[in-house]
C-alpha atoms as a PDB file:
ATOM      1  CA  MET A   1       0.000   0.000   0.000  1.00  0.00           C
ATOM      2  CA  GLU A   2       2.802   2.360   0.957  1.00  0.00           C
ATOM      3  CA  SER A   3       4.756   1.665  -2.245  1.00  0.00           C
ATOM      4  CA  ARG A   4       1.626   2.330  -4.310  1.00  0.00           C
ATOM      5  CA  GLU A   5       1.130   5.719  -2.627  1.00  0.00           C
ATOM      6  CA  THR A   6       4.800   6.518  -3.200  1.00  0.00           C
ATOM      7  CA  THR A   7       4.459   5.612  -6.871  1.00  0.00           C
ATOM      8  CA  GLU A   8       1.375   7.843  -7.226  1.00  0.00           C
ATOM      9  CA  ALA A   9       3.161  10.733  -5.522  1.00  0.00           C
ATOM     10  CA  SER A  10       6.204  10.267  -7.744  1.00  0.00           C
ATOM     11  CA  ARG A  11       4.029  10.215 -10.836  1.00  0.00           C
ATOM     12  CA  THR A  12       2.342  13.469  -9.762  1.00  0.00           C
ATOM     13  CA  LEU A  13       5.671  15.180  -9.160  1.00  0.00           C
ATOM     14  CA  SER A  14       7.002  14.101 -12.558  1.00  0.00           C
ATOM     15  CA  GLU A  15       3.878  15.240 -14.392  1.00  0.00           C
ATOM     16  CA  PRO A  16       4.629  18.170 -16.735  1.00  0.00           C
ATOM     17  CA  LEU A  17       3.669  21.614 -15.462  1.00  0.00           C
ATOM     18  CA  ALA A  18       1.411  22.290 -18.435  1.00  0.00           C
ATOM     19  CA  GLN A  19      -0.479  19.049 -17.927  1.00  0.00           C
ATOM     20  CA  ARG A  20      -0.967  19.643 -14.216  1.00  0.00           C
ATOM     21  CA  ALA A  21      -2.100  23.216 -14.765  1.00  0.00           C
ATOM     22  CA  ARG A  22      -4.571  22.237 -17.485  1.00  0.00           C
ATOM     23  CA  LYS A  23      -5.938  19.364 -15.380  1.00  0.00           C
ATOM     24  CA  THR A  24      -6.380  21.656 -12.369  1.00  0.00           C
ATOM     25  CA  LEU A  25      -8.185  24.297 -14.404  1.00  0.00           C
ATOM     26  CA  VAL A  26     -10.371  21.828 -16.303  1.00  0.00           C
ATOM     27  CA  ILE A  27     -11.546  20.121 -13.107  1.00  0.00           C
ATOM     28  CA  THR A  28     -12.211  23.249 -11.052  1.00  0.00           C
ATOM     29  CA  GLN A  29     -13.741  25.239 -13.913  1.00  0.00           C
ATOM     30  CA  ALA A  30     -15.966  22.268 -14.748  1.00  0.00           C
ATOM     31  CA  ILE A  31     -17.121  22.228 -11.116  1.00  0.00           C
ATOM     32  CA  PHE A  32     -17.813  25.965 -11.296  1.00  0.00           C
ATOM     33  CA  PHE A  33     -19.860  25.841 -14.498  1.00  0.00           C
ATOM     34  CA  THR A  34     -21.695  22.637 -13.587  1.00  0.00           C
ATOM     35  CA  THR A  35     -22.711  24.068 -10.223  1.00  0.00           C
ATOM     36  CA  LEU A  36     -23.679  27.351 -11.863  1.00  0.00           C
ATOM     37  CA  ALA A  37     -25.820  25.459 -14.389  1.00  0.00           C
ATOM     38  CA  TRP A  38     -27.560  23.707 -11.505  1.00  0.00           C
ATOM     39  CA  CYS A  39     -28.281  27.086  -9.876  1.00  0.00           C
ATOM     40  CA  VAL A  40     -29.760  28.366 -13.137  1.00  0.00           C
ATOM     41  CA  LEU A  41     -31.948  25.266 -13.377  1.00  0.00           C
ATOM     42  CA  LEU A  42     -33.150  25.758  -9.803  1.00  0.00           C
ATOM     43  CA  VAL A  43     -33.880  29.465 -10.138  1.00  0.00           C
ATOM     44  CA  HIS A  44     -34.165  31.240 -13.462  1.00  0.00           C
ATOM     45  CA  ASN A  45     -36.367  34.281 -13.114  1.00  0.00           C
ATOM     46  CA  HIS A  46     -36.257  37.943 -14.051  1.00  0.00           C
ATOM     47  CA  GLU A  47     -34.503  38.897 -10.833  1.00  0.00           C
ATOM     48  CA  ALA A  48     -31.705  36.389 -11.469  1.00  0.00           C
ATOM     49  CA  GLN A  49     -31.318  37.584 -15.059  1.00  0.00           C
ATOM     50  CA  ASN A  50     -31.255  41.201 -13.904  1.00  0.00           C
ATOM     51  CA  SER A  51     -28.816  40.653 -10.990  1.00  0.00           C
ATOM     52  CA  GLY A  52     -26.353  38.277 -12.646  1.00  0.00           C
ATOM     53  CA  ILE A  53     -24.443  35.347 -11.191  1.00  0.00           C
ATOM     54  CA  SER A  54     -24.222  37.129  -7.827  1.00  0.00           C
ATOM     55  CA  TYR A  55     -27.953  36.535  -7.351  1.00  0.00           C
ATOM     56  CA  TYR A  56     -27.230  32.897  -6.544  1.00  0.00           C
ATOM     57  CA  GLY A  57     -24.940  33.993  -3.720  1.00  0.00           C
ATOM     58  CA  VAL A  58     -27.820  35.679  -1.882  1.00  0.00           C
ATOM     59  CA  HIS A  59     -30.755  33.458  -2.830  1.00  0.00           C
ATOM     60  CA  LEU A  60     -31.543  30.967  -0.061  1.00  0.00           C
ATOM     61  CA  ARG A  61     -31.997  27.937  -2.361  1.00  0.00           C
ATOM     62  CA  THR A  62     -28.687  28.441  -4.139  1.00  0.00           C
ATOM     63  CA  VAL A  63     -26.303  30.176  -1.724  1.00  0.00           C
ATOM     64  CA  ALA A  64     -24.594  26.918  -0.662  1.00  0.00           C
ATOM     65  CA  PHE A  65     -24.050  25.953  -4.303  1.00  0.00           C
ATOM     66  CA  ALA A  66     -22.688  29.414  -5.107  1.00  0.00           C
ATOM     67  CA  ILE A  67     -20.194  29.210  -2.241  1.00  0.00           C
ATOM     68  CA  PHE A  68     -19.057  25.776  -3.448  1.00  0.00           C
ATOM     69  CA  ALA A  69     -18.718  26.984  -7.053  1.00  0.00           C
ATOM     70  CA  TYR A  70     -16.790  30.143  -6.183  1.00  0.00           C
ATOM     71  CA  ALA A  71     -14.529  28.399  -3.672  1.00  0.00           C
ATOM     72  CA  SER A  72     -13.695  25.615  -6.146  1.00  0.00           C
ATOM     73  CA  ALA A  73     -12.824  28.119  -8.878  1.00  0.00           C
ATOM     74  CA  ALA A  74     -10.734  30.203  -6.443  1.00  0.00           C
ATOM     75  CA  VAL A  75      -8.726  27.184  -5.256  1.00  0.00           C
ATOM     76  CA  GLY A  76      -8.171  26.032  -8.844  1.00  0.00           C
ATOM     77  CA  LEU A  77      -6.994  29.449  -9.976  1.00  0.00           C
ATOM     78  CA  TRP A  78      -4.600  29.815  -7.038  1.00  0.00           C
ATOM     79  CA  ARG A  79      -3.091  26.347  -7.533  1.00  0.00           C
ATOM     80  CA  ALA A  80      -2.723  26.844 -11.274  1.00  0.00           C
ATOM     81  CA  SER A  81      -1.150  30.282 -10.715  1.00  0.00           C
ATOM     82  CA  THR A  82       1.649  28.623  -8.742  1.00  0.00           C
ATOM     83  CA  LEU A  83       2.362  26.345 -11.700  1.00  0.00           C
ATOM     84  CA  PHE A  84       2.238  29.309 -14.092  1.00  0.00           C
ATOM     85  CA  GLN A  85       4.777  31.114 -11.900  1.00  0.00           C
ATOM     86  CA  ARG A  86       7.103  28.084 -11.861  1.00  0.00           C
ATOM     87  CA  ALA A  87       6.865  27.891 -15.636  1.00  0.00           C
ATOM     88  CA  GLY A  88       8.053  31.484 -15.928  1.00  0.00           C
ATOM     89  CA  LEU A  89       4.938  32.817 -17.649  1.00  0.00           C
ATOM     90  CA  ASP A  90       4.115  36.523 -17.702  1.00  0.00           C
ATOM     91  CA  SER A  91       3.409  37.883 -14.237  1.00  0.00           C
ATOM     92  CA  MET A  92       0.107  39.218 -15.578  1.00  0.00           C
ATOM     93  CA  SER A  93      -1.086  35.624 -15.935  1.00  0.00           C
ATOM     94  CA  TRP A  94      -0.336  34.180 -12.503  1.00  0.00           C
ATOM     95  CA  VAL A  95      -0.753  37.417 -10.525  1.00  0.00           C
ATOM     96  CA  GLY A  96      -4.028  37.998 -12.362  1.00  0.00           C
ATOM     97  CA  MET A  97      -5.229  34.505 -11.450  1.00  0.00           C
ATOM     98  CA  ARG A  98      -4.517  35.144  -7.782  1.00  0.00           C
ATOM     99  CA  VAL A  99      -6.337  38.468  -7.940  1.00  0.00           C
ATOM    100  CA  ILE A 100      -9.371  36.739  -9.480  1.00  0.00           C
ATOM    101  CA  ALA A 101      -9.232  34.038  -6.793  1.00  0.00           C
ATOM    102  CA  VAL A 102      -9.372  36.732  -4.098  1.00  0.00           C
ATOM    103  CA  VAL A 103     -12.080  38.608  -6.004  1.00  0.00           C
ATOM    104  CA  LEU A 104     -14.296  35.505  -5.986  1.00  0.00           C
ATOM    105  CA  ILE A 105     -14.062  35.244  -2.206  1.00  0.00           C
ATOM    106  CA  VAL A 106     -14.660  38.976  -1.709  1.00  0.00           C
ATOM    107  CA  LEU A 107     -17.748  38.762  -3.932  1.00  0.00           C
ATOM    108  CA  LEU A 108     -19.154  36.125  -1.588  1.00  0.00           C
ATOM    109  CA  LEU A 109     -18.361  38.254   1.462  1.00  0.00           C
ATOM    110  CA  THR A 110     -20.054  41.369   0.045  1.00  0.00           C
ATOM    111  CA  PRO A 111     -23.657  40.395  -0.763  1.00  0.00           C
ATOM    112  CA  TYR A 112     -25.132  43.152  -2.908  1.00  0.00           C
ATOM    113  CA  SER A 113     -28.506  42.826  -1.211  1.00  0.00           C
ATOM    114  CA  ALA A 114     -27.174  43.695   2.270  1.00  0.00           C
ATOM    115  CA  GLY A 115     -27.182  47.491   2.021  1.00  0.00           C
ATOM    116  CA  ALA A 116     -25.686  50.282  -0.066  1.00  0.00           C
ATOM    117  CA  PHE A 117     -22.103  49.932   1.196  1.00  0.00           C
ATOM    118  CA  LEU A 118     -21.843  46.207   0.496  1.00  0.00           C
ATOM    119  CA  ASN A 119     -23.606  46.705  -2.831  1.00  0.00           C
ATOM    120  CA  TRP A 120     -21.019  49.256  -3.963  1.00  0.00           C
ATOM    121  CA  ALA A 121     -18.183  47.098  -2.601  1.00  0.00           C
ATOM    122  CA  HIS A 122     -19.593  44.132  -4.509  1.00  0.00           C
ATOM    123  CA  MET A 123     -19.955  46.046  -7.767  1.00  0.00           C
ATOM    124  CA  THR A 124     -16.498  47.621  -7.485  1.00  0.00           C
ATOM    125  CA  THR A 125     -14.910  44.230  -6.801  1.00  0.00           C
ATOM    126  CA  GLY A 126     -16.752  42.714  -9.754  1.00  0.00           C
ATOM    127  CA  VAL A 127     -15.605  45.454 -12.137  1.00  0.00           C
ATOM    128  CA  ILE A 128     -11.988  45.113 -10.945  1.00  0.00           C
ATOM    129  CA  GLY A 129     -12.176  41.352 -11.482  1.00  0.00           C
ATOM    130  CA  ALA A 130     -13.584  41.766 -14.996  1.00  0.00           C
ATOM    131  CA  LEU A 131     -10.857  44.267 -15.943  1.00  0.00           C
ATOM    132  CA  VAL A 132      -8.130  41.941 -14.657  1.00  0.00           C
ATOM    133  CA  GLN A 133      -9.616  39.057 -16.633  1.00  0.00           C
ATOM    134  CA  LEU A 134      -9.687  41.202 -19.756  1.00  0.00           C
ATOM    135  CA  ALA A 135      -6.074  42.308 -19.200  1.00  0.00           C
ATOM    136  CA  MET A 136      -4.998  38.657 -18.847  1.00  0.00           C
ATOM    137  CA  VAL A 137      -6.610  37.743 -22.160  1.00  0.00           C
ATOM    138  CA  ILE A 138      -5.086  40.746 -23.957  1.00  0.00           C
ATOM    139  CA  THR A 139      -1.674  39.700 -22.603  1.00  0.00           C
ATOM    140  CA  LEU A 140      -2.315  36.180 -23.927  1.00  0.00           C
ATOM    141  CA  LEU A 141      -3.139  37.547 -27.387  1.00  0.00           C
ATOM    142  CA  ARG A 142       0.121  39.486 -27.424  1.00  0.00           C
ATOM    143  CA  ARG A 143       2.016  36.303 -26.660  1.00  0.00           C
ATOM    144  CA  ARG A 144      -0.018  33.795 -28.649  1.00  0.00           C
ATOM    145  CA  ALA A 145      -2.668  35.118 -31.035  1.00  0.00           C
ATOM    146  CA  THR A 146      -3.949  31.720 -32.150  1.00  0.00           C
ATOM    147  CA  ALA A 147      -7.404  31.198 -33.606  1.00  0.00           C
ATOM    148  CA  ALA A 148      -8.520  29.587 -30.328  1.00  0.00           C
ATOM    149  CA  ALA A 149      -7.268  32.561 -28.289  1.00  0.00           C
ATOM    150  CA  VAL A 150      -8.979  35.036 -30.620  1.00  0.00           C
ATOM    151  CA  VAL A 151     -12.248  33.096 -30.391  1.00  0.00           C
ATOM    152  CA  GLY A 152     -12.007  33.039 -26.587  1.00  0.00           C
ATOM    153  CA  PHE A 153     -11.330  36.772 -26.491  1.00  0.00           C
ATOM    154  CA  THR A 154     -14.238  37.442 -28.859  1.00  0.00           C
ATOM    155  CA  VAL A 155     -16.616  35.425 -26.676  1.00  0.00           C
ATOM    156  CA  GLN A 156     -15.389  37.272 -23.597  1.00  0.00           C
ATOM    157  CA  LEU A 157     -15.696  40.647 -25.318  1.00  0.00           C
ATOM    158  CA  VAL A 158     -19.268  39.921 -26.450  1.00  0.00           C
ATOM    159  CA  GLY A 159     -20.184  38.961 -22.892  1.00  0.00           C
ATOM    160  CA  GLY A 160     -18.516  42.116 -21.564  1.00  0.00           C
ATOM    161  CA  ILE A 161     -20.349  44.400 -23.982  1.00  0.00           C
ATOM    162  CA  LEU A 162     -23.705  42.761 -23.253  1.00  0.00           C
ATOM    163  CA  GLY A 163     -22.964  42.996 -19.531  1.00  0.00           C
ATOM    164  CA  ALA A 164     -22.129  46.716 -19.814  1.00  0.00           C
ATOM    165  CA  LEU A 165     -25.394  47.288 -21.657  1.00  0.00           C
ATOM    166  CA  SER A 166     -27.245  45.440 -18.891  1.00  0.00           C
ATOM    167  CA  LEU A 167     -25.883  47.586 -16.065  1.00  0.00           C
ATOM    168  CA  PRO A 168     -27.550  50.961 -16.844  1.00  0.00           C
ATOM    169  CA  ASN A 169     -31.304  51.310 -16.743  1.00  0.00           C
ATOM    170  CA  TRP A 170     -31.711  50.830 -20.492  1.00  0.00           C
ATOM    171  CA  GLY A 171     -34.263  48.036 -20.301  1.00  0.00           C
ATOM    172  CA  PHE A 172     -31.658  45.487 -21.446  1.00  0.00           C
ATOM    173  CA  THR A 173     -31.722  43.045 -18.532  1.00  0.00           C
ATOM    174  CA  TYR A 174     -29.553  40.114 -19.525  1.00  0.00           C
ATOM    175  CA  LEU A 175     -26.748  40.437 -16.992  1.00  0.00           C
ATOM    176  CA  LEU A 176     -26.813  36.755 -16.013  1.00  0.00           C
ATOM    177  CA  THR A 177     -26.480  35.562 -19.609  1.00  0.00           C
ATOM    178  CA  SER A 178     -23.813  38.196 -20.291  1.00  0.00           C
ATOM    179  CA  GLU A 179     -21.704  37.202 -17.285  1.00  0.00           C
ATOM    180  CA  ILE A 180     -21.907  33.513 -18.164  1.00  0.00           C
ATOM    181  CA  ILE A 181     -20.757  34.257 -21.724  1.00  0.00           C
ATOM    182  CA  PHE A 182     -17.927  36.415 -20.364  1.00  0.00           C
ATOM    183  CA  GLN A 183     -16.749  33.688 -18.002  1.00  0.00           C
ATOM    184  CA  ILE A 184     -16.864  31.022 -20.730  1.00  0.00           C
ATOM    185  CA  GLY A 185     -14.580  33.185 -22.865  1.00  0.00           C
ATOM    186  CA  PHE A 186     -12.220  33.739 -19.943  1.00  0.00           C
ATOM    187  CA  CYS A 187     -12.116  30.017 -19.114  1.00  0.00           C
ATOM    188  CA  TRP A 188     -11.345  29.235 -22.751  1.00  0.00           C
ATOM    189  CA  CYS A 189      -8.401  31.645 -22.678  1.00  0.00           C
ATOM    190  CA  LEU A 190      -7.172  30.284 -19.344  1.00  0.00           C
ATOM    191  CA  LEU A 191      -6.724  26.892 -20.979  1.00  0.00           C
ATOM    192  CA  GLU A 192      -4.946  28.578 -23.885  1.00  0.00           C
ATOM    193  CA  TRP A 193      -2.452  30.040 -21.404  1.00  0.00           C
ATOM    194  CA  THR A 194      -1.315  26.507 -20.540  1.00  0.00           C
ATOM    195  CA  SER A 195      -0.148  26.029 -24.138  1.00  0.00           C
ATOM    196  CA  LEU A 196       2.598  28.573 -23.403  1.00  0.00           C
ATOM    197  CA  MET A 197       4.019  26.432 -20.613  1.00  0.00           C
ATOM    198  CA  PRO A 198       7.101  24.234 -21.230  1.00  0.00           C
ATOM    199  CA  ARG A 199       5.970  20.710 -22.119  1.00  0.00           C
ATOM    200  CA  ASP A 200       9.052  18.965 -20.748  1.00  0.00           C
ATOM    201  CA  VAL A 201       9.333  20.682 -17.357  1.00  0.00           C
ATOM    202  CA  ALA A 202       8.009  18.604 -14.467  1.00  0.00           C
ATOM    203  CA  ALA A 203       6.270  20.088 -11.472  1.00  0.00           C
END
């Protein structure tokens, strides 16, 4: 039993950085989007569409799922950022991932429905997170403007534009859909970042 555990540990340590990073991101992002999809299935009304993903963090039926989804994504981003740093990727990539991980936790701790102060703190944190995500993708395009990266950026940009249109009182209330589109584009580009990692360097 002990030798088997040693073998598994050795195999993990010898696994290439890129492979470990991609596996970490795929698993944790899949958890995030699957849990989010479940929240949407449970509650999909006008208020959710108007308030965005954050609605599930304050709604009684979905708050536990939202915490699980955000925490899983935050842990995955932080772990992957360590591998990005070891691989010598641009600081914008791994620092940005850590900022987003912190942003996810702060979003949970600042429910927008709990008064004006927390609402503004929540919105400000969300905007900062979105700008960091956008900056990470632009940095990726400068390093590796592949078709996949361009598609991911386009998806993210479409989600961002739709989200911006949903914020003012213009009668365009599709913030939830916009944020989901934005996050899909960001996730796509996160996986593209791993293609810049050395393939023969073990963790």
